[in-house]
N, C-alpha and C. Protein backbone atom coordinates (compact mmCIF):
# COMPACT_ATOMS: atom_id res chain seq x y z
N MET A 1 -31.68 120.38 50.19
CA MET A 1 -32.11 120.02 48.87
C MET A 1 -32.82 121.22 48.24
N THR A 2 -32.59 121.38 47.00
CA THR A 2 -33.19 122.48 46.26
C THR A 2 -34.59 122.10 45.78
N LYS A 3 -35.53 123.00 45.99
CA LYS A 3 -36.87 122.78 45.47
C LYS A 3 -36.84 123.07 43.97
N LEU A 4 -37.29 122.11 43.18
CA LEU A 4 -37.28 122.24 41.73
C LEU A 4 -38.56 122.85 41.19
N GLY A 5 -39.64 122.73 41.95
CA GLY A 5 -40.93 123.23 41.51
C GLY A 5 -42.05 122.43 42.14
N GLU A 6 -43.20 122.48 41.50
CA GLU A 6 -44.39 121.78 42.02
C GLU A 6 -45.09 121.06 40.88
N ILE A 7 -45.74 119.95 41.26
CA ILE A 7 -46.61 119.23 40.34
C ILE A 7 -48.02 119.28 40.91
N THR A 8 -49.00 119.07 40.06
CA THR A 8 -50.38 119.00 40.52
C THR A 8 -50.81 117.55 40.52
N VAL A 9 -51.18 117.07 41.70
CA VAL A 9 -51.60 115.69 41.89
C VAL A 9 -52.98 115.72 42.51
N ASN A 10 -53.94 115.16 41.81
CA ASN A 10 -55.32 115.13 42.30
C ASN A 10 -55.81 116.54 42.66
N GLY A 11 -55.39 117.52 41.87
CA GLY A 11 -55.81 118.90 42.09
C GLY A 11 -55.06 119.65 43.16
N LYS A 12 -54.05 119.03 43.77
CA LYS A 12 -53.28 119.65 44.86
C LYS A 12 -51.82 119.81 44.45
N SER A 13 -51.17 120.83 44.99
CA SER A 13 -49.75 121.06 44.71
C SER A 13 -48.88 120.15 45.56
N VAL A 14 -47.90 119.54 44.91
CA VAL A 14 -46.93 118.68 45.59
C VAL A 14 -45.54 119.17 45.16
N SER A 15 -44.71 119.51 46.13
CA SER A 15 -43.39 120.05 45.86
C SER A 15 -42.42 118.94 45.44
N VAL A 16 -41.58 119.29 44.48
CA VAL A 16 -40.58 118.37 43.92
C VAL A 16 -39.20 118.93 44.25
N PHE A 17 -38.31 118.04 44.69
CA PHE A 17 -36.98 118.44 45.14
C PHE A 17 -35.88 117.68 44.42
N GLN A 18 -34.73 118.31 44.40
CA GLN A 18 -33.52 117.65 43.92
C GLN A 18 -33.25 116.46 44.83
N LYS A 19 -32.78 115.38 44.27
CA LYS A 19 -32.44 114.19 45.07
C LYS A 19 -31.36 114.55 46.09
N PRO A 20 -31.36 113.91 47.27
CA PRO A 20 -30.42 114.28 48.33
C PRO A 20 -29.08 113.54 48.27
N HIS A 21 -28.70 113.05 47.10
CA HIS A 21 -27.44 112.32 46.94
C HIS A 21 -26.93 112.53 45.51
N ASP A 22 -25.74 112.03 45.24
CA ASP A 22 -25.11 112.27 43.93
C ASP A 22 -25.28 111.11 42.95
N GLU A 23 -26.03 110.09 43.30
CA GLU A 23 -26.22 108.94 42.43
C GLU A 23 -27.41 109.16 41.50
N PRO A 24 -27.52 108.35 40.43
CA PRO A 24 -28.68 108.46 39.56
C PRO A 24 -29.97 108.22 40.35
N ASP A 25 -30.96 109.06 40.16
CA ASP A 25 -32.25 108.92 40.84
C ASP A 25 -33.22 109.94 40.25
N PHE A 26 -34.49 109.69 40.45
CA PHE A 26 -35.53 110.64 40.07
C PHE A 26 -35.62 111.72 41.14
N PRO A 27 -36.26 112.85 40.83
CA PRO A 27 -36.50 113.86 41.87
C PRO A 27 -37.32 113.27 43.02
N TRP A 28 -37.20 113.87 44.19
CA TRP A 28 -37.92 113.45 45.38
C TRP A 28 -39.11 114.39 45.60
N VAL A 29 -40.08 113.95 46.42
CA VAL A 29 -41.29 114.75 46.64
C VAL A 29 -41.60 114.88 48.13
N ASP A 30 -42.35 115.92 48.45
CA ASP A 30 -42.81 116.19 49.82
C ASP A 30 -43.89 115.17 50.16
N VAL A 31 -43.61 114.27 51.09
CA VAL A 31 -44.53 113.17 51.39
C VAL A 31 -45.84 113.67 52.00
N GLU A 32 -45.78 114.70 52.83
CA GLU A 32 -47.02 115.21 53.44
C GLU A 32 -47.94 115.80 52.37
N GLU A 33 -47.38 116.59 51.47
CA GLU A 33 -48.20 117.17 50.42
C GLU A 33 -48.79 116.08 49.52
N LEU A 34 -47.98 115.06 49.21
CA LEU A 34 -48.48 113.97 48.37
C LEU A 34 -49.60 113.22 49.08
N ALA A 35 -49.42 112.90 50.33
CA ALA A 35 -50.46 112.19 51.08
C ALA A 35 -51.73 113.04 51.19
N LYS A 36 -51.57 114.34 51.41
CA LYS A 36 -52.73 115.24 51.53
C LYS A 36 -53.49 115.39 50.21
N ALA A 37 -52.85 115.04 49.11
CA ALA A 37 -53.54 115.10 47.81
C ALA A 37 -54.65 114.05 47.75
N PHE A 38 -54.58 113.04 48.62
CA PHE A 38 -55.56 111.95 48.59
C PHE A 38 -56.21 111.65 49.93
N LEU A 39 -55.59 112.08 51.01
CA LEU A 39 -56.04 111.69 52.36
C LEU A 39 -56.35 112.92 53.21
N PRO A 40 -57.16 112.74 54.25
CA PRO A 40 -57.37 113.84 55.20
C PRO A 40 -56.06 114.21 55.90
N ARG A 41 -55.99 115.44 56.35
CA ARG A 41 -54.77 115.97 56.97
C ARG A 41 -54.23 115.08 58.09
N SER A 42 -55.09 114.56 58.95
CA SER A 42 -54.62 113.74 60.07
C SER A 42 -53.95 112.46 59.58
N ARG A 43 -54.50 111.83 58.58
CA ARG A 43 -53.89 110.61 58.02
C ARG A 43 -52.60 110.94 57.30
N ALA A 44 -52.56 112.07 56.62
CA ALA A 44 -51.34 112.48 55.92
C ALA A 44 -50.21 112.71 56.92
N ARG A 45 -50.52 113.34 58.03
CA ARG A 45 -49.50 113.59 59.05
C ARG A 45 -49.01 112.27 59.68
N ARG A 46 -49.90 111.32 59.81
CA ARG A 46 -49.52 110.00 60.33
C ARG A 46 -48.56 109.32 59.35
N ILE A 47 -48.81 109.46 58.06
CA ILE A 47 -47.93 108.90 57.03
C ILE A 47 -46.54 109.51 57.17
N VAL A 48 -46.46 110.81 57.38
CA VAL A 48 -45.17 111.49 57.55
C VAL A 48 -44.44 110.91 58.76
N SER A 49 -45.15 110.74 59.86
CA SER A 49 -44.54 110.19 61.07
C SER A 49 -43.98 108.80 60.82
N LEU A 50 -44.74 107.97 60.14
CA LEU A 50 -44.28 106.61 59.83
C LEU A 50 -43.09 106.63 58.87
N THR A 51 -43.14 107.53 57.90
CA THR A 51 -42.06 107.64 56.93
C THR A 51 -40.76 108.04 57.61
N GLN A 52 -40.84 108.94 58.56
CA GLN A 52 -39.63 109.41 59.25
C GLN A 52 -38.97 108.30 60.04
N ARG A 53 -39.73 107.30 60.44
CA ARG A 53 -39.17 106.18 61.21
C ARG A 53 -38.74 105.01 60.32
N PHE A 54 -39.12 105.01 59.05
CA PHE A 54 -38.80 103.91 58.15
C PHE A 54 -37.30 103.80 57.98
N GLY A 55 -36.75 102.66 58.33
CA GLY A 55 -35.32 102.44 58.20
C GLY A 55 -34.52 102.66 59.47
N GLU A 56 -35.17 103.11 60.54
CA GLU A 56 -34.44 103.36 61.79
C GLU A 56 -33.69 102.13 62.28
N ALA A 57 -34.32 100.96 62.19
CA ALA A 57 -33.70 99.73 62.69
C ALA A 57 -32.44 99.39 61.91
N GLU A 58 -32.40 99.74 60.63
CA GLU A 58 -31.24 99.46 59.79
C GLU A 58 -30.16 100.54 59.94
N GLY A 59 -30.45 101.58 60.69
CA GLY A 59 -29.47 102.64 60.92
C GLY A 59 -29.40 103.69 59.83
N GLN A 60 -30.30 103.63 58.87
CA GLN A 60 -30.31 104.64 57.81
C GLN A 60 -31.75 104.99 57.47
N ARG A 61 -32.08 106.25 57.56
CA ARG A 61 -33.43 106.69 57.22
C ARG A 61 -33.64 106.62 55.72
N ALA A 62 -34.83 106.26 55.33
CA ALA A 62 -35.16 106.15 53.91
C ALA A 62 -35.75 107.44 53.37
N CYS A 63 -35.72 108.50 54.16
CA CYS A 63 -36.25 109.79 53.73
C CYS A 63 -35.20 110.86 54.02
N ALA A 64 -35.49 112.06 53.61
CA ALA A 64 -34.60 113.19 53.88
C ALA A 64 -35.48 114.38 54.26
N THR A 65 -34.85 115.49 54.60
CA THR A 65 -35.60 116.71 54.90
C THR A 65 -35.11 117.83 54.00
N ALA A 66 -36.01 118.77 53.77
CA ALA A 66 -35.68 119.93 52.94
C ALA A 66 -36.56 121.10 53.35
N ARG A 67 -36.04 122.29 53.18
CA ARG A 67 -36.86 123.48 53.46
C ARG A 67 -37.87 123.62 52.35
N ASN A 68 -39.13 123.77 52.75
CA ASN A 68 -40.22 123.98 51.80
C ASN A 68 -41.02 125.18 52.30
N GLY A 69 -40.66 126.35 51.81
CA GLY A 69 -41.29 127.58 52.30
C GLY A 69 -40.90 127.83 53.73
N ASP A 70 -41.89 127.92 54.62
CA ASP A 70 -41.61 128.22 56.02
C ASP A 70 -41.56 126.98 56.90
N ARG A 71 -41.48 125.80 56.30
CA ARG A 71 -41.42 124.58 57.11
C ARG A 71 -40.33 123.64 56.59
N ILE A 72 -39.97 122.70 57.43
CA ILE A 72 -39.04 121.65 57.03
C ILE A 72 -39.89 120.45 56.62
N ALA A 73 -39.73 120.03 55.37
CA ALA A 73 -40.53 118.95 54.82
C ALA A 73 -39.75 117.64 54.84
N THR A 74 -40.48 116.56 55.01
CA THR A 74 -39.92 115.22 54.82
C THR A 74 -40.11 114.89 53.35
N ILE A 75 -39.02 114.52 52.69
CA ILE A 75 -39.11 114.18 51.27
C ILE A 75 -38.76 112.71 51.07
N ILE A 76 -39.38 112.13 50.05
CA ILE A 76 -39.17 110.71 49.76
C ILE A 76 -38.86 110.53 48.28
N CYS A 77 -38.23 109.41 47.98
CA CYS A 77 -37.88 109.11 46.60
C CYS A 77 -39.12 108.71 45.81
N HIS A 78 -38.96 108.69 44.51
CA HIS A 78 -40.05 108.34 43.59
C HIS A 78 -40.61 106.95 43.88
N ALA A 79 -39.76 105.98 44.15
CA ALA A 79 -40.23 104.62 44.42
C ALA A 79 -41.13 104.59 45.65
N MET A 80 -40.74 105.28 46.71
CA MET A 80 -41.57 105.32 47.91
C MET A 80 -42.87 106.07 47.64
N ALA A 81 -42.80 107.13 46.84
CA ALA A 81 -44.01 107.89 46.51
C ALA A 81 -44.98 107.02 45.71
N GLN A 82 -44.47 106.25 44.77
CA GLN A 82 -45.33 105.34 44.02
C GLN A 82 -45.92 104.28 44.95
N GLY A 83 -45.12 103.80 45.89
CA GLY A 83 -45.62 102.82 46.85
C GLY A 83 -46.72 103.39 47.72
N LEU A 84 -46.55 104.61 48.18
CA LEU A 84 -47.58 105.27 48.97
C LEU A 84 -48.87 105.41 48.17
N CYS A 85 -48.74 105.83 46.92
CA CYS A 85 -49.93 105.99 46.07
C CYS A 85 -50.58 104.63 45.81
N GLY A 86 -49.78 103.60 45.64
CA GLY A 86 -50.32 102.25 45.47
C GLY A 86 -51.10 101.80 46.69
N LEU A 87 -50.58 102.09 47.88
CA LEU A 87 -51.28 101.76 49.12
C LEU A 87 -52.60 102.51 49.22
N ILE A 88 -52.59 103.77 48.86
CA ILE A 88 -53.81 104.58 48.87
C ILE A 88 -54.83 103.96 47.91
N ASP A 89 -54.38 103.53 46.74
CA ASP A 89 -55.28 102.89 45.78
C ASP A 89 -55.86 101.59 46.32
N VAL A 90 -55.03 100.76 46.93
CA VAL A 90 -55.52 99.48 47.48
C VAL A 90 -56.53 99.72 48.59
N GLU A 91 -56.24 100.69 49.46
CA GLU A 91 -57.19 101.01 50.53
C GLU A 91 -58.52 101.54 49.97
N ALA A 92 -58.47 102.11 48.76
CA ALA A 92 -59.69 102.62 48.13
C ALA A 92 -60.42 101.52 47.34
N GLY A 93 -59.88 100.30 47.36
CA GLY A 93 -60.56 99.18 46.73
C GLY A 93 -60.03 98.76 45.37
N TYR A 94 -58.95 99.37 44.92
CA TYR A 94 -58.37 98.99 43.63
C TYR A 94 -57.46 97.78 43.82
N HIS A 95 -57.31 96.98 42.78
CA HIS A 95 -56.51 95.76 42.82
C HIS A 95 -55.03 96.10 42.93
N ALA A 96 -54.31 95.39 43.79
CA ALA A 96 -52.91 95.69 44.06
C ALA A 96 -52.00 95.45 42.85
N ASP A 97 -52.41 94.62 41.92
CA ASP A 97 -51.56 94.30 40.76
C ASP A 97 -51.69 95.28 39.60
N GLU A 98 -52.56 96.25 39.73
CA GLU A 98 -52.77 97.22 38.65
C GLU A 98 -52.69 98.63 39.21
N PRO A 99 -52.05 99.54 38.46
CA PRO A 99 -51.99 100.91 38.95
C PRO A 99 -53.39 101.52 39.07
N GLY A 100 -53.67 102.10 40.22
CA GLY A 100 -54.94 102.77 40.43
C GLY A 100 -54.81 104.26 40.13
N PRO A 101 -55.84 105.03 40.41
CA PRO A 101 -55.82 106.45 40.06
C PRO A 101 -54.80 107.28 40.82
N ALA A 102 -54.53 106.97 42.07
CA ALA A 102 -53.53 107.75 42.82
C ALA A 102 -52.14 107.53 42.21
N HIS A 103 -51.80 106.28 41.99
CA HIS A 103 -50.51 105.93 41.39
C HIS A 103 -50.37 106.54 40.00
N THR A 104 -51.39 106.41 39.19
CA THR A 104 -51.36 106.93 37.83
C THR A 104 -51.26 108.45 37.81
N ASN A 105 -52.04 109.12 38.67
CA ASN A 105 -52.04 110.58 38.71
C ASN A 105 -50.67 111.11 39.13
N TYR A 106 -50.11 110.55 40.18
CA TYR A 106 -48.80 110.99 40.65
C TYR A 106 -47.72 110.72 39.60
N SER A 107 -47.69 109.50 39.07
CA SER A 107 -46.64 109.13 38.11
C SER A 107 -46.69 110.00 36.86
N ALA A 108 -47.88 110.25 36.36
CA ALA A 108 -48.02 111.10 35.17
C ALA A 108 -47.57 112.53 35.46
N ALA A 109 -47.91 113.03 36.64
CA ALA A 109 -47.53 114.40 37.01
C ALA A 109 -46.01 114.54 37.11
N LEU A 110 -45.36 113.59 37.78
CA LEU A 110 -43.91 113.69 37.92
C LEU A 110 -43.23 113.47 36.57
N GLY A 111 -43.72 112.52 35.79
CA GLY A 111 -43.15 112.30 34.47
C GLY A 111 -43.27 113.53 33.59
N GLY A 112 -44.41 114.18 33.61
CA GLY A 112 -44.60 115.41 32.85
C GLY A 112 -43.67 116.52 33.32
N PHE A 113 -43.48 116.62 34.63
CA PHE A 113 -42.59 117.63 35.20
C PHE A 113 -41.16 117.41 34.71
N ILE A 114 -40.69 116.16 34.79
CA ILE A 114 -39.33 115.83 34.35
C ILE A 114 -39.17 116.17 32.87
N HIS A 115 -40.16 115.81 32.08
CA HIS A 115 -40.10 116.08 30.64
C HIS A 115 -40.13 117.58 30.35
N ASP A 116 -41.11 118.27 30.94
CA ASP A 116 -41.27 119.70 30.67
C ASP A 116 -40.06 120.53 31.09
N LYS A 117 -39.43 120.15 32.19
CA LYS A 117 -38.26 120.89 32.69
C LYS A 117 -36.96 120.43 32.04
N GLY A 118 -37.03 119.33 31.27
CA GLY A 118 -35.82 118.79 30.65
C GLY A 118 -34.80 118.35 31.67
N LEU A 119 -35.28 117.78 32.78
CA LEU A 119 -34.39 117.43 33.89
C LEU A 119 -33.52 116.21 33.64
N MET A 120 -34.02 115.27 32.82
CA MET A 120 -33.32 114.00 32.68
C MET A 120 -33.36 113.51 31.24
N SER A 121 -32.24 112.98 30.80
CA SER A 121 -32.20 112.33 29.50
C SER A 121 -32.77 110.92 29.65
N LEU A 122 -32.99 110.24 28.55
CA LEU A 122 -33.46 108.86 28.61
C LEU A 122 -32.45 107.99 29.36
N GLU A 123 -31.18 108.21 29.12
CA GLU A 123 -30.14 107.45 29.81
C GLU A 123 -30.18 107.72 31.31
N ASP A 124 -30.40 108.97 31.69
CA ASP A 124 -30.51 109.33 33.11
C ASP A 124 -31.71 108.62 33.74
N MET A 125 -32.82 108.57 33.01
CA MET A 125 -34.02 107.92 33.55
C MET A 125 -33.81 106.42 33.72
N ILE A 126 -33.14 105.79 32.77
CA ILE A 126 -32.86 104.35 32.90
C ILE A 126 -31.96 104.09 34.11
N ALA A 127 -30.93 104.92 34.28
CA ALA A 127 -30.04 104.78 35.43
C ALA A 127 -30.80 105.02 36.73
N ALA A 128 -31.68 106.02 36.74
CA ALA A 128 -32.48 106.31 37.95
C ALA A 128 -33.41 105.15 38.27
N PHE A 129 -34.02 104.58 37.26
CA PHE A 129 -34.92 103.44 37.46
C PHE A 129 -34.17 102.27 38.11
N LYS A 130 -32.95 102.03 37.67
CA LYS A 130 -32.15 100.93 38.21
C LYS A 130 -31.62 101.23 39.61
N ASN A 131 -31.63 102.48 40.01
CA ASN A 131 -31.05 102.89 41.29
C ASN A 131 -32.05 103.73 42.11
N SER A 132 -33.32 103.48 41.95
CA SER A 132 -34.35 104.30 42.59
C SER A 132 -34.13 104.39 44.09
N GLY A 133 -34.09 105.63 44.57
CA GLY A 133 -33.87 105.87 45.99
C GLY A 133 -32.41 105.99 46.35
N GLY A 134 -31.52 105.54 45.44
CA GLY A 134 -30.08 105.63 45.69
C GLY A 134 -29.69 104.98 47.00
N PRO A 135 -28.75 105.57 47.71
CA PRO A 135 -28.27 104.98 48.96
C PRO A 135 -29.35 104.89 50.04
N SER A 136 -30.37 105.71 49.93
CA SER A 136 -31.43 105.70 50.95
C SER A 136 -32.24 104.42 50.93
N LEU A 137 -32.37 103.79 49.76
CA LEU A 137 -33.14 102.54 49.69
C LEU A 137 -32.27 101.32 49.38
N ARG A 138 -30.99 101.52 49.14
CA ARG A 138 -30.12 100.39 48.77
C ARG A 138 -30.15 99.28 49.81
N ALA A 139 -30.04 99.62 51.07
CA ALA A 139 -30.04 98.59 52.11
C ALA A 139 -31.31 97.77 52.08
N PHE A 140 -32.43 98.40 51.77
CA PHE A 140 -33.70 97.68 51.74
C PHE A 140 -33.78 96.79 50.51
N ARG A 141 -33.28 97.29 49.36
CA ARG A 141 -33.28 96.49 48.12
C ARG A 141 -32.38 95.28 48.28
N GLU A 142 -31.19 95.48 48.82
CA GLU A 142 -30.23 94.38 48.97
C GLU A 142 -30.71 93.37 50.00
N GLY A 143 -31.39 93.85 51.03
CA GLY A 143 -31.92 92.93 52.03
C GLY A 143 -33.06 92.07 51.50
N ALA A 144 -33.76 92.54 50.48
CA ALA A 144 -34.88 91.80 49.91
C ALA A 144 -34.42 90.75 48.90
N GLU A 145 -33.17 90.85 48.44
CA GLU A 145 -32.69 89.93 47.40
C GLU A 145 -32.26 88.61 47.96
């Protein structure tokens, strides 16, 4: 996956990548960098470990890997990134039904990046919203219906 650039989330750099499939979707992000924007390094690394195992039972991983500088990063789709930020907010005491500061900060940063880089038209964004995660999350979406 091609690195598209970086966003600033909670004062920290988070790498943004091209989606790892050909379907409509938002850019993907480095999960470790995103988690480290809000959590201590040890907890962020634990999140990466859990993310890498998500979907194993279904036979399809819900994450991908990409070269990020001198390391191989685990990248996740926008929906999973928002979910992670929502979990961080709930653990910090914010109500689960309302976006907290982690969710808001991440979402605004990625939205600004997409807008500033001219990466997606409105039609592309609507299609991505309807297909968030693409094939990586389809099995989970269909199983929940």
